[in-house]
Amino acid sequence: MSSQIDETTGKGIWALPVLRAFAPPVEPIQSDVDDSSGEILPWSPNGTQLRVKAGPARRGFYAPSLDGAPTTTRQAEILNTAIIGPPTGTKGVVNGRDVLSRTTISHDPVTAYNSVPREVSSPNVIAMGDVGAGKSAHIKCNYVLRPLLLAGRRAVVFDKKDQAGEGEYSNVVRHYGFEPIRFTTDRTGTTLNLLDPMIVRGTGIQGQARLLNIVTRLARGDQALTGWEEEGVRAALRMTLERVGGRAPVLADVLPNLGNIVDDPEYAALSPTAKDDLHRAGLSV
């Protein structure tokens, strides 16, 4: 006595309670409807029967599924390049794990920049991810809090996430005995002196002139300074530093010197037209 398999309904011997679990997947009648759901159907892939049920898989009804392991053969190490080649070195603070090679990621910008010989010239880091993926927690823990426990480390954080009127790093700053700097547009925040010698320490008058050029450009709606205007700023700054003594200069000291090149011996050789152009450029700034 023989039984036939109905390829469209799955009946026959495969309908019996015991054999039902071993029934092969039934392919439905093809239609002209385009199924773009992206679902992987059990009859579409090639190979052995899919492990569609956890119970039969545990009892060994399917072919065994074994995790691959690195070979111990020395000559075959090239087949496991993700394992023998970690994505980063081992110096610095550990801040993650590579999911491919299962090795730790120890990239630390300060360690990489101070290494001798220097491994990278610009050790910048970008943290990207979906909302709620842990970017802020990763930055706060691995790039601010943990490095601050090391000797000679400091951190400067520009934080715009509002928490009760201030940034989320404010409590961290106060924990170390400092008060956070607040940037506001209503003049209730912190006032910084752009000509403070500590800001441009090591760069001299050239660094201060570049800083003034950037601030002037931002104040004018991102309109770049001309060559004459840049020279006018440098001349006013140099004159200010020569005349102000005993204290750090401020922007109010620079403003009266913009365009004032009459008594400046550095421009004595200029033609009257060039002096007038430099004077007008200083006034425009």
C-alpha atoms as a PDB file:
ATOM      1  CA  MET A   1       0.000   0.000   0.000  1.00  0.00           C
ATOM      2  CA  SER A   2       1.459   3.262  -1.021  1.00  0.00           C
ATOM      3  CA  SER A   3       0.668   6.835  -0.151  1.00  0.00           C
ATOM      4  CA  GLN A   4       1.022   9.868  -2.356  1.00  0.00           C
ATOM      5  CA  ILE A   5       2.217  13.298  -1.227  1.00  0.00           C
ATOM      6  CA  ASP A   6       0.040  16.223  -2.123  1.00  0.00           C
ATOM      7  CA  GLU A   7       2.579  18.915  -2.942  1.00  0.00           C
ATOM      8  CA  THR A   8       0.032  21.693  -2.592  1.00  0.00           C
ATOM      9  CA  THR A   9      -1.659  20.779   0.696  1.00  0.00           C
ATOM     10  CA  GLY A  10       0.968  18.728   2.554  1.00  0.00           C
ATOM     11  CA  LYS A  11      -1.346  15.798   3.171  1.00  0.00           C
ATOM     12  CA  GLY A  12      -0.625  12.089   2.984  1.00  0.00           C
ATOM     13  CA  ILE A  13       1.696  10.344   5.431  1.00  0.00           C
ATOM     14  CA  TRP A  14       3.083  13.724   6.476  1.00  0.00           C
ATOM     15  CA  ALA A  15      -0.296  14.574   8.001  1.00  0.00           C
ATOM     16  CA  LEU A  16       0.190  11.905  10.730  1.00  0.00           C
ATOM     17  CA  PRO A  17       0.926  13.387  14.203  1.00  0.00           C
ATOM     18  CA  VAL A  18       4.351  11.754  14.531  1.00  0.00           C
ATOM     19  CA  LEU A  19       5.573  12.426  10.999  1.00  0.00           C
ATOM     20  CA  ARG A  20       4.199  15.925  10.810  1.00  0.00           C
ATOM     21  CA  ALA A  21       7.343  17.322  12.448  1.00  0.00           C
ATOM     22  CA  PHE A  22       9.488  15.791   9.694  1.00  0.00           C
ATOM     23  CA  ALA A  23       7.394  17.014   6.780  1.00  0.00           C
ATOM     24  CA  PRO A  24       9.357  18.931   4.145  1.00  0.00           C
ATOM     25  CA  PRO A  25       8.354  22.499   3.460  1.00  0.00           C
ATOM     26  CA  VAL A  26       5.512  22.812   1.009  1.00  0.00           C
ATOM     27  CA  GLU A  27       6.027  25.180  -1.884  1.00  0.00           C
ATOM     28  CA  PRO A  28       2.894  27.189  -2.618  1.00  0.00           C
ATOM     29  CA  ILE A  29       1.515  27.830  -6.052  1.00  0.00           C
ATOM     30  CA  GLN A  30       3.478  30.675  -7.646  1.00  0.00           C
ATOM     31  CA  SER A  31       1.537  33.810  -8.447  1.00  0.00           C
ATOM     32  CA  ASP A  32       2.287  36.986 -10.320  1.00  0.00           C
ATOM     33  CA  VAL A  33       2.151  39.011  -7.094  1.00  0.00           C
ATOM     34  CA  ASP A  34       5.539  40.511  -6.233  1.00  0.00           C
ATOM     35  CA  ASP A  35       6.455  39.720  -2.629  1.00  0.00           C
ATOM     36  CA  SER A  36       8.909  42.441  -1.665  1.00  0.00           C
ATOM     37  CA  SER A  37       8.700  41.874   2.089  1.00  0.00           C
ATOM     38  CA  GLY A  38      12.264  40.567   2.189  1.00  0.00           C
ATOM     39  CA  GLU A  39      11.288  37.409   4.100  1.00  0.00           C
ATOM     40  CA  ILE A  40      13.455  34.317   3.461  1.00  0.00           C
ATOM     41  CA  LEU A  41      11.132  31.468   2.552  1.00  0.00           C
ATOM     42  CA  PRO A  42      12.061  27.896   3.567  1.00  0.00           C
ATOM     43  CA  TRP A  43      12.036  26.557   0.004  1.00  0.00           C
ATOM     44  CA  SER A  44      14.131  29.346  -1.559  1.00  0.00           C
ATOM     45  CA  PRO A  45      17.642  28.679  -0.169  1.00  0.00           C
ATOM     46  CA  ASN A  46      19.720  25.744  -1.281  1.00  0.00           C
ATOM     47  CA  GLY A  47      21.182  23.196   1.113  1.00  0.00           C
ATOM     48  CA  THR A  48      19.833  21.209   4.036  1.00  0.00           C
ATOM     49  CA  GLN A  49      16.502  21.748   5.718  1.00  0.00           C
ATOM     50  CA  LEU A  50      16.352  24.905   7.770  1.00  0.00           C
ATOM     51  CA  ARG A  51      16.439  24.706  11.552  1.00  0.00           C
ATOM     52  CA  VAL A  52      12.996  26.221  11.844  1.00  0.00           C
ATOM     53  CA  LYS A  53      12.089  24.732  15.249  1.00  0.00           C
ATOM     54  CA  ALA A  54      14.223  24.911  18.379  1.00  0.00           C
ATOM     55  CA  GLY A  55      12.881  21.667  19.893  1.00  0.00           C
ATOM     56  CA  PRO A  56      13.834  19.296  17.044  1.00  0.00           C
ATOM     57  CA  ALA A  57      17.156  21.092  16.703  1.00  0.00           C
ATOM     58  CA  ARG A  58      18.023  20.315  20.330  1.00  0.00           C
ATOM     59  CA  ARG A  59      17.107  16.649  19.823  1.00  0.00           C
ATOM     60  CA  GLY A  60      19.385  16.357  16.814  1.00  0.00           C
ATOM     61  CA  PHE A  61      16.802  15.994  14.025  1.00  0.00           C
ATOM     62  CA  TYR A  62      18.664  18.548  11.932  1.00  0.00           C
ATOM     63  CA  ALA A  63      22.187  18.515  10.667  1.00  0.00           C
ATOM     64  CA  PRO A  64      24.607  19.734  13.345  1.00  0.00           C
ATOM     65  CA  SER A  65      25.472  23.441  13.328  1.00  0.00           C
ATOM     66  CA  LEU A  66      28.994  23.952  14.603  1.00  0.00           C
ATOM     67  CA  ASP A  67      30.756  27.234  15.290  1.00  0.00           C
ATOM     68  CA  GLY A  68      33.892  27.726  13.272  1.00  0.00           C
ATOM     69  CA  ALA A  69      37.176  27.785  15.172  1.00  0.00           C
ATOM     70  CA  PRO A  70      40.610  29.102  14.229  1.00  0.00           C
ATOM     71  CA  THR A  71      42.931  26.406  13.028  1.00  0.00           C
ATOM     72  CA  THR A  72      46.029  25.572  15.041  1.00  0.00           C
ATOM     73  CA  THR A  73      48.039  25.028  11.882  1.00  0.00           C
ATOM     74  CA  ARG A  74      50.684  27.727  11.588  1.00  0.00           C
ATOM     75  CA  GLN A  75      50.484  27.873   7.800  1.00  0.00           C
ATOM     76  CA  ALA A  76      46.722  28.494   7.880  1.00  0.00           C
ATOM     77  CA  GLU A  77      46.848  31.673  10.000  1.00  0.00           C
ATOM     78  CA  ILE A  78      46.297  33.714   6.867  1.00  0.00           C
ATOM     79  CA  LEU A  79      42.735  32.326   6.782  1.00  0.00           C
ATOM     80  CA  ASN A  80      42.004  34.063  10.107  1.00  0.00           C
ATOM     81  CA  THR A  81      43.228  37.569   9.385  1.00  0.00           C
ATOM     82  CA  ALA A  82      40.481  39.148  11.491  1.00  0.00           C
ATOM     83  CA  ILE A  83      41.728  37.218  14.506  1.00  0.00           C
ATOM     84  CA  ILE A  84      45.469  37.643  14.076  1.00  0.00           C
ATOM     85  CA  GLY A  85      45.134  41.306  13.099  1.00  0.00           C
ATOM     86  CA  PRO A  86      43.357  43.362  15.811  1.00  0.00           C
ATOM     87  CA  PRO A  87      41.919  46.706  14.625  1.00  0.00           C
ATOM     88  CA  THR A  88      43.977  48.775  17.096  1.00  0.00           C
ATOM     89  CA  GLY A  89      47.001  48.483  19.312  1.00  0.00           C
ATOM     90  CA  THR A  90      47.086  47.699  23.002  1.00  0.00           C
ATOM     91  CA  LYS A  91      48.119  51.113  24.338  1.00  0.00           C
ATOM     92  CA  GLY A  92      45.714  53.539  25.969  1.00  0.00           C
ATOM     93  CA  VAL A  93      42.314  53.210  27.576  1.00  0.00           C
ATOM     94  CA  VAL A  94      40.237  50.221  26.427  1.00  0.00           C
ATOM     95  CA  ASN A  95      37.011  51.643  25.014  1.00  0.00           C
ATOM     96  CA  GLY A  96      35.298  48.851  23.102  1.00  0.00           C
ATOM     97  CA  ARG A  97      35.370  45.420  21.495  1.00  0.00           C
ATOM     98  CA  ASP A  98      35.565  44.629  17.811  1.00  0.00           C
ATOM     99  CA  VAL A  99      32.660  42.315  16.933  1.00  0.00           C
ATOM    100  CA  LEU A 100      34.534  40.713  14.046  1.00  0.00           C
ATOM    101  CA  SER A 101      37.860  39.792  15.608  1.00  0.00           C
ATOM    102  CA  ARG A 102      36.528  39.762  19.201  1.00  0.00           C
ATOM    103  CA  THR A 103      39.529  41.785  20.318  1.00  0.00           C
ATOM    104  CA  THR A 104      39.567  44.903  22.479  1.00  0.00           C
ATOM    105  CA  ILE A 105      39.792  48.369  20.945  1.00  0.00           C
ATOM    106  CA  SER A 106      42.262  50.545  22.803  1.00  0.00           C
ATOM    107  CA  HIS A 107      42.459  53.619  20.606  1.00  0.00           C
ATOM    108  CA  ASP A 108      43.197  56.590  22.844  1.00  0.00           C
ATOM    109  CA  PRO A 109      43.791  59.924  21.061  1.00  0.00           C
ATOM    110  CA  VAL A 110      46.211  61.281  23.671  1.00  0.00           C
ATOM    111  CA  THR A 111      48.270  58.076  23.776  1.00  0.00           C
ATOM    112  CA  ALA A 112      48.349  57.867  19.974  1.00  0.00           C
ATOM    113  CA  TYR A 113      49.389  61.512  19.628  1.00  0.00           C
ATOM    114  CA  ASN A 114      52.158  61.264  22.252  1.00  0.00           C
ATOM    115  CA  SER A 115      53.562  57.953  21.036  1.00  0.00           C
ATOM    116  CA  VAL A 116      57.190  57.885  19.916  1.00  0.00           C
ATOM    117  CA  PRO A 117      57.392  57.395  17.019  1.00  0.00           C
ATOM    118  CA  ARG A 118      53.984  58.966  16.451  1.00  0.00           C
ATOM    119  CA  GLU A 119      51.551  56.398  15.074  1.00  0.00           C
ATOM    120  CA  VAL A 120      48.989  58.823  13.664  1.00  0.00           C
ATOM    121  CA  SER A 121      49.214  62.512  12.835  1.00  0.00           C
ATOM    122  CA  SER A 122      45.591  63.398  13.590  1.00  0.00           C
ATOM    123  CA  PRO A 123      44.022  61.001  16.132  1.00  0.00           C
ATOM    124  CA  ASN A 124      40.469  62.301  15.827  1.00  0.00           C
ATOM    125  CA  VAL A 125      37.500  60.134  16.806  1.00  0.00           C
ATOM    126  CA  ILE A 126      33.917  60.243  15.527  1.00  0.00           C
ATOM    127  CA  ALA A 127      31.159  58.413  17.421  1.00  0.00           C
ATOM    128  CA  MET A 128      28.212  57.554  15.172  1.00  0.00           C
ATOM    129  CA  GLY A 129      25.093  55.535  15.933  1.00  0.00           C
ATOM    130  CA  ASP A 130      21.336  55.507  16.265  1.00  0.00           C
ATOM    131  CA  VAL A 131      19.459  57.410  18.948  1.00  0.00           C
ATOM    132  CA  GLY A 132      19.877  55.633  22.262  1.00  0.00           C
ATOM    133  CA  ALA A 133      22.776  53.472  21.053  1.00  0.00           C
ATOM    134  CA  GLY A 134      25.060  54.745  23.825  1.00  0.00           C
ATOM    135  CA  LYS A 135      27.150  57.421  22.073  1.00  0.00           C
ATOM    136  CA  SER A 136      26.956  59.934  24.929  1.00  0.00           C
ATOM    137  CA  ALA A 137      27.663  57.298  27.571  1.00  0.00           C
ATOM    138  CA  HIS A 138      30.641  56.038  25.561  1.00  0.00           C
ATOM    139  CA  ILE A 139      32.130  59.516  25.163  1.00  0.00           C
ATOM    140  CA  LYS A 140      31.511  60.474  28.782  1.00  0.00           C
ATOM    141  CA  CYS A 141      32.959  57.254  30.195  1.00  0.00           C
ATOM    142  CA  ASN A 142      35.848  56.398  27.863  1.00  0.00           C
ATOM    143  CA  TYR A 143      36.961  59.827  26.674  1.00  0.00           C
ATOM    144  CA  VAL A 144      36.280  62.035  29.713  1.00  0.00           C
ATOM    145  CA  LEU A 145      35.788  60.280  33.068  1.00  0.00           C
ATOM    146  CA  ARG A 146      38.223  57.373  32.769  1.00  0.00           C
ATOM    147  CA  PRO A 147      41.081  59.412  31.222  1.00  0.00           C
ATOM    148  CA  LEU A 148      40.717  62.050  33.973  1.00  0.00           C
ATOM    149  CA  LEU A 149      41.784  59.397  36.479  1.00  0.00           C
ATOM    150  CA  LEU A 150      45.197  59.278  34.776  1.00  0.00           C
ATOM    151  CA  ALA A 151      48.040  61.651  35.587  1.00  0.00           C
ATOM    152  CA  GLY A 152      48.421  64.701  33.393  1.00  0.00           C
ATOM    153  CA  ARG A 153      45.036  64.404  31.698  1.00  0.00           C
ATOM    154  CA  ARG A 154      42.459  67.114  31.216  1.00  0.00           C
ATOM    155  CA  ALA A 155      39.348  67.467  29.089  1.00  0.00           C
ATOM    156  CA  VAL A 156      37.534  70.332  27.397  1.00  0.00           C
ATOM    157  CA  VAL A 157      33.930  69.483  26.496  1.00  0.00           C
ATOM    158  CA  PHE A 158      31.619  71.675  24.411  1.00  0.00           C
ATOM    159  CA  ASP A 159      28.224  70.440  25.546  1.00  0.00           C
ATOM    160  CA  LYS A 160      24.926  71.678  24.114  1.00  0.00           C
ATOM    161  CA  LYS A 161      22.595  69.069  25.635  1.00  0.00           C
ATOM    162  CA  ASP A 162      20.332  71.028  27.992  1.00  0.00           C
ATOM    163  CA  GLN A 163      19.755  69.639  31.474  1.00  0.00           C
ATOM    164  CA  ALA A 164      17.968  72.079  33.802  1.00  0.00           C
ATOM    165  CA  GLY A 165      19.480  75.077  32.047  1.00  0.00           C
ATOM    166  CA  GLU A 166      23.054  73.799  31.813  1.00  0.00           C
ATOM    167  CA  GLY A 167      25.052  71.043  30.159  1.00  0.00           C
ATOM    168  CA  GLU A 168      25.096  67.437  31.305  1.00  0.00           C
ATOM    169  CA  TYR A 169      28.818  67.657  32.136  1.00  0.00           C
ATOM    170  CA  SER A 170      28.296  70.443  34.701  1.00  0.00           C
ATOM    171  CA  ASN A 171      28.250  68.066  37.662  1.00  0.00           C
ATOM    172  CA  VAL A 172      31.467  66.439  36.449  1.00  0.00           C
ATOM    173  CA  VAL A 173      33.158  69.852  36.294  1.00  0.00           C
ATOM    174  CA  ARG A 174      32.007  70.742  39.805  1.00  0.00           C
ATOM    175  CA  HIS A 175      33.200  67.367  41.095  1.00  0.00           C
ATOM    176  CA  TYR A 176      36.736  68.420  40.175  1.00  0.00           C
ATOM    177  CA  GLY A 177      36.328  71.781  41.925  1.00  0.00           C
ATOM    178  CA  PHE A 178      35.600  74.047  38.949  1.00  0.00           C
ATOM    179  CA  GLU A 179      32.627  75.973  37.666  1.00  0.00           C
ATOM    180  CA  PRO A 180      31.445  75.256  34.111  1.00  0.00           C
ATOM    181  CA  ILE A 181      31.681  77.994  31.517  1.00  0.00           C
ATOM    182  CA  ARG A 182      28.303  79.010  30.121  1.00  0.00           C
ATOM    183  CA  PHE A 183      27.952  80.540  26.653  1.00  0.00           C
ATOM    184  CA  THR A 184      24.727  82.537  26.277  1.00  0.00           C
ATOM    185  CA  THR A 185      23.347  85.191  23.955  1.00  0.00           C
ATOM    186  CA  ASP A 186      21.692  87.280  26.705  1.00  0.00           C
ATOM    187  CA  ARG A 187      24.964  88.296  28.444  1.00  0.00           C
ATOM    188  CA  THR A 188      24.219  86.172  31.522  1.00  0.00           C
ATOM    189  CA  GLY A 189      26.960  83.663  30.806  1.00  0.00           C
ATOM    190  CA  THR A 190      30.716  83.685  31.145  1.00  0.00           C
ATOM    191  CA  THR A 191      32.746  86.435  29.514  1.00  0.00           C
ATOM    192  CA  LEU A 192      36.059  85.366  27.994  1.00  0.00           C
ATOM    193  CA  ASN A 193      38.874  87.760  27.149  1.00  0.00           C
ATOM    194  CA  LEU A 194      39.998  86.791  23.644  1.00  0.00           C
ATOM    195  CA  LEU A 195      43.334  88.562  24.254  1.00  0.00           C
ATOM    196  CA  ASP A 196      44.127  86.664  27.431  1.00  0.00           C
ATOM    197  CA  PRO A 197      47.770  85.541  27.116  1.00  0.00           C
ATOM    198  CA  MET A 198      46.809  82.055  28.376  1.00  0.00           C
ATOM    199  CA  ILE A 199      44.548  81.467  25.353  1.00  0.00           C
ATOM    200  CA  VAL A 200      47.231  81.956  22.733  1.00  0.00           C
ATOM    201  CA  ARG A 201      50.250  81.003  24.820  1.00  0.00           C
ATOM    202  CA  GLY A 202      52.975  79.821  22.494  1.00  0.00           C
ATOM    203  CA  THR A 203      51.517  81.373  19.321  1.00  0.00           C
ATOM    204  CA  GLY A 204      52.260  85.041  20.102  1.00  0.00           C
ATOM    205  CA  ILE A 205      50.783  87.959  18.237  1.00  0.00           C
ATOM    206  CA  GLN A 206      50.175  85.838  15.126  1.00  0.00           C
ATOM    207  CA  GLY A 207      47.870  83.504  17.080  1.00  0.00           C
ATOM    208  CA  GLN A 208      45.996  86.427  18.635  1.00  0.00           C
ATOM    209  CA  ALA A 209      45.601  88.070  15.232  1.00  0.00           C
ATOM    210  CA  ARG A 210      44.164  84.864  13.755  1.00  0.00           C
ATOM    211  CA  LEU A 211      41.716  84.625  16.658  1.00  0.00           C
ATOM    212  CA  LEU A 212      40.570  88.213  16.121  1.00  0.00           C
ATOM    213  CA  ASN A 213      40.166  87.549  12.397  1.00  0.00           C
ATOM    214  CA  ILE A 214      37.923  84.550  13.096  1.00  0.00           C
ATOM    215  CA  VAL A 215      35.775  86.486  15.578  1.00  0.00           C
ATOM    216  CA  THR A 216      35.442  89.402  13.179  1.00  0.00           C
ATOM    217  CA  ARG A 217      34.414  87.080  10.363  1.00  0.00           C
ATOM    218  CA  LEU A 218      31.734  85.434  12.519  1.00  0.00           C
ATOM    219  CA  ALA A 219      30.446  88.815  13.686  1.00  0.00           C
ATOM    220  CA  ARG A 220      30.056  89.924  10.050  1.00  0.00           C
ATOM    221  CA  GLY A 221      27.933  86.963   9.020  1.00  0.00           C
ATOM    222  CA  ASP A 222      30.830  84.737   7.881  1.00  0.00           C
ATOM    223  CA  GLN A 223      32.185  87.418   5.561  1.00  0.00           C
ATOM    224  CA  ALA A 224      35.921  86.836   5.114  1.00  0.00           C
ATOM    225  CA  LEU A 225      38.401  89.645   5.767  1.00  0.00           C
ATOM    226  CA  THR A 226      40.397  91.098   2.906  1.00  0.00           C
ATOM    227  CA  GLY A 227      44.166  91.209   2.961  1.00  0.00           C
ATOM    228  CA  TRP A 228      44.130  94.880   3.923  1.00  0.00           C
ATOM    229  CA  GLU A 229      41.674  94.214   6.744  1.00  0.00           C
ATOM    230  CA  GLU A 230      43.781  91.392   8.143  1.00  0.00           C
ATOM    231  CA  GLU A 231      46.804  93.673   8.129  1.00  0.00           C
ATOM    232  CA  GLY A 232      44.750  96.386   9.825  1.00  0.00           C
ATOM    233  CA  VAL A 233      43.812  93.980  12.632  1.00  0.00           C
ATOM    234  CA  ARG A 234      47.437  92.928  13.083  1.00  0.00           C
ATOM    235  CA  ALA A 235      48.607  96.549  13.198  1.00  0.00           C
ATOM    236  CA  ALA A 236      45.984  97.509  15.783  1.00  0.00           C
ATOM    237  CA  LEU A 237      46.809  94.477  17.920  1.00  0.00           C
ATOM    238  CA  ARG A 238      50.550  95.176  17.809  1.00  0.00           C
ATOM    239  CA  MET A 239      49.984  98.802  18.781  1.00  0.00           C
ATOM    240  CA  THR A 240      47.710  97.744  21.623  1.00  0.00           C
ATOM    241  CA  LEU A 241      50.254  95.327  23.083  1.00  0.00           C
ATOM    242  CA  GLU A 242      52.923  98.031  22.983  1.00  0.00           C
ATOM    243  CA  ARG A 243      50.797 100.661  24.731  1.00  0.00           C
ATOM    244  CA  VAL A 244      48.967  98.576  27.359  1.00  0.00           C
ATOM    245  CA  GLY A 245      51.200  97.658  30.253  1.00  0.00           C
ATOM    246  CA  GLY A 246      50.695  95.992  33.595  1.00  0.00           C
ATOM    247  CA  ARG A 247      47.538  94.100  32.606  1.00  0.00           C
ATOM    248  CA  ALA A 248      46.130  91.870  29.891  1.00  0.00           C
ATOM    249  CA  PRO A 249      44.627  93.826  26.991  1.00  0.00           C
ATOM    250  CA  VAL A 250      40.950  93.542  26.097  1.00  0.00           C
ATOM    251  CA  LEU A 251      39.008  94.148  22.901  1.00  0.00           C
ATOM    252  CA  ALA A 252      38.107  97.670  24.040  1.00  0.00           C
ATOM    253  CA  ASP A 253      41.814  98.515  23.899  1.00  0.00           C
ATOM    254  CA  VAL A 254      42.091  97.354  20.280  1.00  0.00           C
ATOM    255  CA  LEU A 255      39.137  99.231  18.811  1.00  0.00           C
ATOM    256  CA  PRO A 256      40.640 102.787  18.994  1.00  0.00           C
ATOM    257  CA  ASN A 257      43.782 101.549  17.227  1.00  0.00           C
ATOM    258  CA  LEU A 258      41.971 100.113  14.201  1.00  0.00           C
ATOM    259  CA  GLY A 259      42.922 102.288  11.255  1.00  0.00           C
ATOM    260  CA  ASN A 260      45.351 104.390  13.300  1.00  0.00           C
ATOM    261  CA  ILE A 261      48.625 104.006  11.394  1.00  0.00           C
ATOM    262  CA  VAL A 262      49.774 107.622  11.409  1.00  0.00           C
ATOM    263  CA  ASP A 263      52.496 107.150  14.038  1.00  0.00           C
ATOM    264  CA  ASP A 264      53.382 103.557  13.119  1.00  0.00           C
ATOM    265  CA  PRO A 265      56.961 103.487  11.762  1.00  0.00           C
ATOM    266  CA  GLU A 266      56.396 100.045  10.190  1.00  0.00           C
ATOM    267  CA  TYR A 267      54.257 101.644   7.481  1.00  0.00           C
ATOM    268  CA  ALA A 268      56.392 104.739   6.908  1.00  0.00           C
ATOM    269  CA  ALA A 269      57.567 103.472   3.516  1.00  0.00           C
ATOM    270  CA  LEU A 270      54.060 102.987   2.162  1.00  0.00           C
ATOM    271  CA  SER A 271      52.674 105.348  -0.428  1.00  0.00           C
ATOM    272  CA  PRO A 272      49.911 107.732   0.587  1.00  0.00           C
ATOM    273  CA  THR A 273      47.414 105.638  -1.341  1.00  0.00           C
ATOM    274  CA  ALA A 274      48.451 102.436   0.433  1.00  0.00           C
ATOM    275  CA  LYS A 275      48.291 104.142   3.822  1.00  0.00           C
ATOM    276  CA  ASP A 276      44.803 105.378   3.016  1.00  0.00           C
ATOM    277  CA  ASP A 277      43.702 101.869   1.975  1.00  0.00           C
ATOM    278  CA  LEU A 278      45.074 100.404   5.218  1.00  0.00           C
ATOM    279  CA  HIS A 279      43.381 103.149   7.212  1.00  0.00           C
ATOM    280  CA  ARG A 280      40.014 102.487   5.553  1.00  0.00           C
ATOM    281  CA  ALA A 281      40.395  98.733   6.058  1.00  0.00           C
ATOM    282  CA  GLY A 282      40.998  99.195   9.776  1.00  0.00           C
ATOM    283  CA  LEU A 283      37.927 101.391  10.091  1.00  0.00           C
ATOM    284  CA  SER A 284      35.781  98.830   8.253  1.00  0.00           C
ATOM    285  CA  VAL A 285      36.751  96.167  10.812  1.00  0.00           C
END
